[in-house]
PDB file of N, CA and C in Angstrom:
ATOM      1  N   UNK A   1       9.457  -1.930  -1.328  1.00  0.00           N
ATOM      2  CA  UNK A   1       8.203  -2.045  -0.446  1.00  0.00           C
ATOM      3  C   UNK A   1       8.078  -0.741   0.340  1.00  0.00           C
ATOM      4  N   UNK A   2       6.797  -0.507   0.700  1.00  0.00           N
ATOM      5  CA  UNK A   2       6.588   0.817   1.427  1.00  0.00           C
ATOM      6  C   UNK A   2       6.009   0.191   2.721  1.00  0.00           C
ATOM      7  N   UNK A   3       6.376   0.887   4.012  1.00  0.00           N
ATOM      8  CA  UNK A   3       5.800   0.529   5.226  1.00  0.00           C
ATOM      9  C   UNK A   3       4.523   1.275   5.407  1.00  0.00           C
ATOM     10  N   UNK A   4       3.506   0.702   5.911  1.00  0.00           N
ATOM     11  CA  UNK A   4       2.170   1.267   6.102  1.00  0.00           C
ATOM     12  C   UNK A   4       1.977   1.318   7.628  1.00  0.00           C
ATOM     13  N   UNK A   5       1.771   2.595   8.032  1.00  0.00           N
ATOM     14  CA  UNK A   5       1.399   2.916   9.515  1.00  0.00           C
ATOM     15  C   UNK A   5      -0.035   3.347   9.695  1.00  0.00           C
ATOM     16  N   UNK A   6      -0.762   2.791  10.573  1.00  0.00           N
ATOM     17  CA  UNK A   6      -2.157   3.212  10.994  1.00  0.00           C
ATOM     18  C   UNK A   6      -2.161   3.784  12.381  1.00  0.00           C
ATOM     19  N   UNK A   7      -2.626   4.962  12.448  1.00  0.00           N
ATOM     20  CA  UNK A   7      -2.613   5.709  13.702  1.00  0.00           C
ATOM     21  C   UNK A   7      -1.184   5.708  14.353  1.00  0.00           C
ATOM     22  N   UNK A   8      -0.222   5.775  13.579  1.00  0.00           N
ATOM     23  CA  UNK A   8       1.138   6.011  14.036  1.00  0.00           C
ATOM     24  C   UNK A   8       1.859   4.713  14.358  1.00  0.00           C
ATOM     25  N   UNK A   9       1.145   3.525  14.161  1.00  0.00           N
ATOM     26  CA  UNK A   9       1.776   2.219  14.535  1.00  0.00           C
ATOM     27  C   UNK A   9       2.069   1.483  13.205  1.00  0.00           C
ATOM     28  N   UNK A  10       3.122   0.805  13.126  1.00  0.00           N
ATOM     29  CA  UNK A  10       3.479  -0.074  11.993  1.00  0.00           C
ATOM     30  C   UNK A  10       2.364  -0.999  11.691  1.00  0.00           C
ATOM     31  N   UNK A  11       1.941  -1.228  10.564  1.00  0.00           N
ATOM     32  CA  UNK A  11       0.946  -2.228  10.130  1.00  0.00           C
ATOM     33  C   UNK A  11       1.393  -3.211   9.288  1.00  0.00           C
ATOM     34  N   UNK A  12       2.011  -2.892   8.127  1.00  0.00           N
ATOM     35  CA  UNK A  12       2.463  -3.834   7.151  1.00  0.00           C
ATOM     36  C   UNK A  12       3.376  -3.171   6.099  1.00  0.00           C
ATOM     37  N   UNK A  13       4.034  -4.032   5.211  1.00  0.00           N
ATOM     38  CA  UNK A  13       4.699  -3.575   4.127  1.00  0.00           C
ATOM     39  C   UNK A  13       3.967  -3.930   2.896  1.00  0.00           C
ATOM     40  N   UNK A  14       4.095  -3.059   1.783  1.00  0.00           N
ATOM     41  CA  UNK A  14       3.247  -3.299   0.608  1.00  0.00           C
ATOM     42  C   UNK A  14       4.109  -2.903  -0.575  1.00  0.00           C
ATOM     43  N   UNK A  15       4.122  -3.433  -1.560  1.00  0.00           N
ATOM     44  CA  UNK A  15       4.731  -3.146  -2.889  1.00  0.00           C
ATOM     45  C   UNK A  15       3.865  -2.159  -3.579  1.00  0.00           C
ATOM     46  N   UNK A  16       4.518  -1.433  -4.366  1.00  0.00           N
ATOM     47  CA  UNK A  16       3.694  -0.395  -5.203  1.00  0.00           C
ATOM     48  C   UNK A  16       2.605  -1.043  -6.003  1.00  0.00           C
ATOM     49  N   UNK A  17       2.868  -2.242  -6.648  1.00  0.00           N
ATOM     50  CA  UNK A  17       1.832  -2.924  -7.390  1.00  0.00           C
ATOM     51  C   UNK A  17       0.523  -3.317  -6.515  1.00  0.00           C
ATOM     52  N   UNK A  18       0.869  -3.720  -5.258  1.00  0.00           N
ATOM     53  CA  UNK A  18      -0.288  -3.984  -4.359  1.00  0.00           C
ATOM     54  C   UNK A  18      -1.098  -2.730  -4.033  1.00  0.00           C
ATOM     55  N   UNK A  19      -0.281  -1.661  -3.887  1.00  0.00           N
ATOM     56  CA  UNK A  19      -1.049  -0.346  -3.496  1.00  0.00           C
ATOM     57  C   UNK A  19      -1.820   0.148  -4.677  1.00  0.00           C
ATOM     58  N   UNK A  20      -1.313  -0.056  -5.945  1.00  0.00           N
ATOM     59  CA  UNK A  20      -2.009   0.229  -7.206  1.00  0.00           C
ATOM     60  C   UNK A  20      -3.316  -0.530  -7.350  1.00  0.00           C
ATOM     61  N   UNK A  21      -3.211  -1.823  -6.828  1.00  0.00           N
ATOM     62  CA  UNK A  21      -4.335  -2.750  -6.867  1.00  0.00           C
ATOM     63  C   UNK A  21      -5.375  -2.342  -5.992  1.00  0.00           C
ATOM     64  N   UNK A  22      -5.101  -1.736  -4.806  1.00  0.00           N
ATOM     65  CA  UNK A  22      -6.050  -1.073  -3.820  1.00  0.00           C
ATOM     66  C   UNK A  22      -6.637  -0.007  -4.589  1.00  0.00           C
ATOM     67  N   UNK A  23      -5.813   0.873  -5.146  1.00  0.00           N
ATOM     68  CA  UNK A  23      -6.371   2.083  -5.920  1.00  0.00           C
ATOM     69  C   UNK A  23      -7.428   1.549  -7.047  1.00  0.00           C
ATOM     70  N   UNK A  24      -7.093   0.565  -7.691  1.00  0.00           N
ATOM     71  CA  UNK A  24      -8.022   0.105  -8.717  1.00  0.00           C
ATOM     72  C   UNK A  24      -9.416  -0.191  -8.122  1.00  0.00           C
ATOM     73  N   UNK A  25      -9.368  -1.049  -7.000  1.00  0.00           N
ATOM     74  CA  UNK A  25     -10.589  -1.453  -6.357  1.00  0.00           C
ATOM     75  C   UNK A  25     -11.304  -0.246  -5.770  1.00  0.00           C
ATOM     76  N   UNK A  26     -10.602   0.637  -5.153  1.00  0.00           N
ATOM     77  CA  UNK A  26     -11.238   1.934  -4.782  1.00  0.00           C
ATOM     78  C   UNK A  26     -11.937   2.706  -5.891  1.00  0.00           C
ATOM     79  N   UNK A  27     -11.220   2.729  -7.058  1.00  0.00           N
ATOM     80  CA  UNK A  27     -11.884   3.510  -8.117  1.00  0.00           C
ATOM     81  C   UNK A  27     -13.115   2.778  -8.630  1.00  0.00           C
ATOM     82  N   UNK A  28     -13.119   1.399  -8.623  1.00  0.00           N
ATOM     83  CA  UNK A  28     -14.334   0.733  -9.049  1.00  0.00           C
ATOM     84  C   UNK A  28     -15.443   0.898  -8.080  1.00  0.00           C
ATOM     85  N   UNK A  29     -15.255   0.978  -6.833  1.00  0.00           N
ATOM     86  CA  UNK A  29     -16.282   1.080  -5.835  1.00  0.00           C
ATOM     87  C   UNK A  29     -16.666   2.397  -5.571  1.00  0.00           C
ATOM     88  N   UNK A  30     -15.667   3.425  -5.414  1.00  0.00           N
ATOM     89  CA  UNK A  30     -15.980   4.730  -5.109  1.00  0.00           C
ATOM     90  C   UNK A  30     -15.482   5.742  -6.176  1.00  0.00           C
ATOM     91  N   UNK A  31     -15.499   5.415  -7.429  1.00  0.00           N
ATOM     92  CA  UNK A  31     -14.967   6.238  -8.467  1.00  0.00           C
ATOM     93  C   UNK A  31     -15.605   7.620  -8.400  1.00  0.00           C
ATOM     94  N   UNK A  32     -16.900   7.753  -8.179  1.00  0.00           N
ATOM     95  CA  UNK A  32     -17.603   9.053  -8.282  1.00  0.00           C
ATOM     96  C   UNK A  32     -17.198   9.902  -7.117  1.00  0.00           C
ATOM     97  N   UNK A  33     -16.856   9.234  -5.975  1.00  0.00           N
ATOM     98  CA  UNK A  33     -16.433  10.091  -4.801  1.00  0.00           C
ATOM     99  C   UNK A  33     -14.933  10.440  -4.838  1.00  0.00           C
ATOM    100  N   UNK A  34     -14.089   9.685  -5.519  1.00  0.00           N
ATOM    101  CA  UNK A  34     -12.668   9.982  -5.509  1.00  0.00           C
ATOM    102  C   UNK A  34     -12.365  11.272  -6.370  1.00  0.00           C
ATOM    103  N   UNK A  35     -13.247  11.611  -7.267  1.00  0.00           N
ATOM    104  CA  UNK A  35     -13.004  12.838  -8.088  1.00  0.00           C
ATOM    105  C   UNK A  35     -11.648  12.998  -8.700  1.00  0.00           C
ATOM    106  N   UNK A  36     -10.905  13.941  -8.325  1.00  0.00           N
ATOM    107  CA  UNK A  36      -9.697  14.196  -9.009  1.00  0.00           C
ATOM    108  C   UNK A  36      -8.470  13.696  -8.214  1.00  0.00           C
ATOM    109  N   UNK A  37      -8.777  12.745  -7.303  1.00  0.00           N
ATOM    110  CA  UNK A  37      -7.543  12.197  -6.672  1.00  0.00           C
ATOM    111  C   UNK A  37      -6.797  11.164  -7.551  1.00  0.00           C
ATOM    112  N   UNK A  38      -5.576  11.474  -7.705  1.00  0.00           N
ATOM    113  CA  UNK A  38      -4.800  10.750  -8.618  1.00  0.00           C
ATOM    114  C   UNK A  38      -3.795   9.809  -7.897  1.00  0.00           C
ATOM    115  N   UNK A  39      -3.556   8.620  -8.468  1.00  0.00           N
ATOM    116  CA  UNK A  39      -2.472   7.730  -7.935  1.00  0.00           C
ATOM    117  C   UNK A  39      -1.189   8.164  -8.475  1.00  0.00           C
ATOM    118  N   UNK A  40      -0.097   8.107  -7.639  1.00  0.00           N
ATOM    119  CA  UNK A  40       1.215   8.615  -8.164  1.00  0.00           C
ATOM    120  C   UNK A  40       1.659   7.652  -9.268  1.00  0.00           C
ATOM    121  N   UNK A  41       2.365   8.164 -10.282  1.00  0.00           N
ATOM    122  CA  UNK A  41       2.802   7.360 -11.452  1.00  0.00           C
ATOM    123  C   UNK A  41       3.772   6.274 -11.055  1.00  0.00           C
ATOM    124  N   UNK A  42       3.745   5.196 -11.898  1.00  0.00           N
ATOM    125  CA  UNK A  42       4.480   4.002 -11.550  1.00  0.00           C
ATOM    126  C   UNK A  42       5.956   4.308 -11.682  1.00  0.00           C
ATOM    127  N   UNK A  43       6.469   5.040 -12.734  1.00  0.00           N
ATOM    128  CA  UNK A  43       7.859   5.127 -13.052  1.00  0.00           C
ATOM    129  C   UNK A  43       8.260   6.495 -12.981  1.00  0.00           C
ATOM    130  N   UNK A  44       9.403   6.833 -12.479  1.00  0.00           N
ATOM    131  CA  UNK A  44      10.358   7.902 -12.531  1.00  0.00           C
ATOM    132  C   UNK A  44      11.401   7.584 -13.409  1.00  0.00           C
ATOM    133  N   UNK A  45      12.043   8.577 -14.002  1.00  0.00           N
ATOM    134  CA  UNK A  45      13.163   8.215 -14.821  1.00  0.00           C
ATOM    135  C   UNK A  45      14.289   7.632 -14.022  1.00  0.00           C
ATOM    136  N   UNK A  46      14.660   8.200 -12.891  1.00  0.00           N
ATOM    137  CA  UNK A  46      15.737   7.645 -12.112  1.00  0.00           C
ATOM    138  C   UNK A  46      15.173   7.431 -10.721  1.00  0.00           C
ATOM    139  N   UNK A  47      15.078   6.126 -10.276  1.00  0.00           N
ATOM    140  CA  UNK A  47      14.650   5.732  -9.008  1.00  0.00           C
ATOM    141  C   UNK A  47      15.733   5.912  -7.974  1.00  0.00           C
ATOM    142  N   UNK A  48      16.211   7.081  -7.719  1.00  0.00           N
ATOM    143  CA  UNK A  48      17.230   7.396  -6.717  1.00  0.00           C
ATOM    144  C   UNK A  48      16.454   7.605  -5.358  1.00  0.00           C
ATOM    145  N   UNK A  49      17.279   7.851  -4.351  1.00  0.00           N
ATOM    146  CA  UNK A  49      16.685   7.968  -3.039  1.00  0.00           C
ATOM    147  C   UNK A  49      15.708   9.269  -3.009  1.00  0.00           C
ATOM    148  N   UNK A  50      15.910  10.237  -3.748  1.00  0.00           N
ATOM    149  CA  UNK A  50      15.110  11.472  -3.878  1.00  0.00           C
ATOM    150  C   UNK A  50      13.784  10.973  -4.503  1.00  0.00           C
ATOM    151  N   UNK A  51      13.834  10.314  -5.533  1.00  0.00           N
ATOM    152  CA  UNK A  51      12.647   9.916  -6.311  1.00  0.00           C
ATOM    153  C   UNK A  51      11.847   8.964  -5.374  1.00  0.00           C
ATOM    154  N   UNK A  52      12.446   8.057  -4.639  1.00  0.00           N
ATOM    155  CA  UNK A  52      11.735   7.137  -3.871  1.00  0.00           C
ATOM    156  C   UNK A  52      10.985   7.981  -2.760  1.00  0.00           C
ATOM    157  N   UNK A  53      11.693   8.894  -2.204  1.00  0.00           N
ATOM    158  CA  UNK A  53      11.053   9.662  -1.101  1.00  0.00           C
ATOM    159  C   UNK A  53       9.904  10.504  -1.661  1.00  0.00           C
ATOM    160  N   UNK A  54      10.011  11.042  -2.927  1.00  0.00           N
ATOM    161  CA  UNK A  54       8.885  11.797  -3.598  1.00  0.00           C
ATOM    162  C   UNK A  54       7.723  10.869  -3.792  1.00  0.00           C
ATOM    163  N   UNK A  55       7.936   9.670  -4.167  1.00  0.00           N
ATOM    164  CA  UNK A  55       6.878   8.648  -4.397  1.00  0.00           C
ATOM    165  C   UNK A  55       6.224   8.362  -3.103  1.00  0.00           C
ATOM    166  N   UNK A  56       7.056   8.160  -2.162  1.00  0.00           N
ATOM    167  CA  UNK A  56       6.463   7.815  -0.659  1.00  0.00           C
ATOM    168  C   UNK A  56       5.626   8.979  -0.338  1.00  0.00           C
ATOM    169  N   UNK A  57       6.038  10.101  -0.448  1.00  0.00           N
ATOM    170  CA  UNK A  57       5.228  11.331  -0.187  1.00  0.00           C
ATOM    171  C   UNK A  57       3.972  11.435  -0.861  1.00  0.00           C
ATOM    172  N   UNK A  58       4.049  11.238  -2.217  1.00  0.00           N
ATOM    173  CA  UNK A  58       2.898  11.242  -3.080  1.00  0.00           C
ATOM    174  C   UNK A  58       1.878  10.150  -2.746  1.00  0.00           C
ATOM    175  N   UNK A  59       2.392   8.967  -2.277  1.00  0.00           N
ATOM    176  CA  UNK A  59       1.443   7.883  -1.865  1.00  0.00           C
ATOM    177  C   UNK A  59       0.706   8.283  -0.601  1.00  0.00           C
ATOM    178  N   UNK A  60       1.447   8.840   0.252  1.00  0.00           N
ATOM    179  CA  UNK A  60       0.871   9.314   1.523  1.00  0.00           C
ATOM    180  C   UNK A  60      -0.209  10.440   1.316  1.00  0.00           C
ATOM    181  N   UNK A  61       0.074  11.339   0.419  1.00  0.00           N
ATOM    182  CA  UNK A  61      -0.903  12.390   0.096  1.00  0.00           C
ATOM    183  C   UNK A  61      -2.132  11.655  -0.535  1.00  0.00           C
ATOM    184  N   UNK A  62      -1.905  10.790  -1.470  1.00  0.00           N
ATOM    185  CA  UNK A  62      -2.965  10.091  -2.162  1.00  0.00           C
ATOM    186  C   UNK A  62      -3.932   9.475  -1.156  1.00  0.00           C
ATOM    187  N   UNK A  63      -3.400   8.686  -0.206  1.00  0.00           N
ATOM    188  CA  UNK A  63      -4.236   7.886   0.721  1.00  0.00           C
ATOM    189  C   UNK A  63      -4.933   8.889   1.690  1.00  0.00           C
ATOM    190  N   UNK A  64      -4.344   9.966   1.926  1.00  0.00           N
ATOM    191  CA  UNK A  64      -4.996  11.077   2.851  1.00  0.00           C
ATOM    192  C   UNK A  64      -6.195  11.553   2.118  1.00  0.00           C
ATOM    193  N   UNK A  65      -5.931  11.906   0.907  1.00  0.00           N
ATOM    194  CA  UNK A  65      -7.085  12.489  -0.034  1.00  0.00           C
ATOM    195  C   UNK A  65      -8.208  11.433  -0.107  1.00  0.00           C
ATOM    196  N   UNK A  66      -7.848  10.181  -0.254  1.00  0.00           N
ATOM    197  CA  UNK A  66      -8.811   9.126  -0.441  1.00  0.00           C
ATOM    198  C   UNK A  66      -9.668   9.016   0.866  1.00  0.00           C
ATOM    199  N   UNK A  67      -9.040   9.123   1.966  1.00  0.00           N
ATOM    200  CA  UNK A  67      -9.803   9.016   3.291  1.00  0.00           C
ATOM    201  C   UNK A  67     -10.777  10.232   3.413  1.00  0.00           C
ATOM    202  N   UNK A  68     -10.357  11.396   2.990  1.00  0.00           N
ATOM    203  CA  UNK A  68     -11.076  12.595   3.088  1.00  0.00           C
ATOM    204  C   UNK A  68     -12.374  12.522   2.130  1.00  0.00           C
ATOM    205  N   UNK A  69     -12.212  11.816   1.029  1.00  0.00           N
ATOM    206  CA  UNK A  69     -13.222  11.905   0.010  1.00  0.00           C
ATOM    207  C   UNK A  69     -14.200  10.636   0.024  1.00  0.00           C
ATOM    208  N   UNK A  70     -13.795   9.541   0.641  1.00  0.00           N
ATOM    209  CA  UNK A  70     -14.797   8.340   0.693  1.00  0.00           C
ATOM    210  C   UNK A  70     -15.341   8.290   1.956  1.00  0.00           C
TER     211      UNK A  70
END
């Protein structure tokens, strides 16, 4: 699960699958505006702490890009 913070304050926990569901809904609604914004891949070969941190950073980058484009 990933912690979600809004304006620096804790908001909720969400699993990768729930975040992917949000991505799918955003793509259906705003697909033309999202352009080249890509959702991070589901699987890494080894989900060690480094891979988890990379995915967390990629998710953060994804949602920042979505906010800028929508």
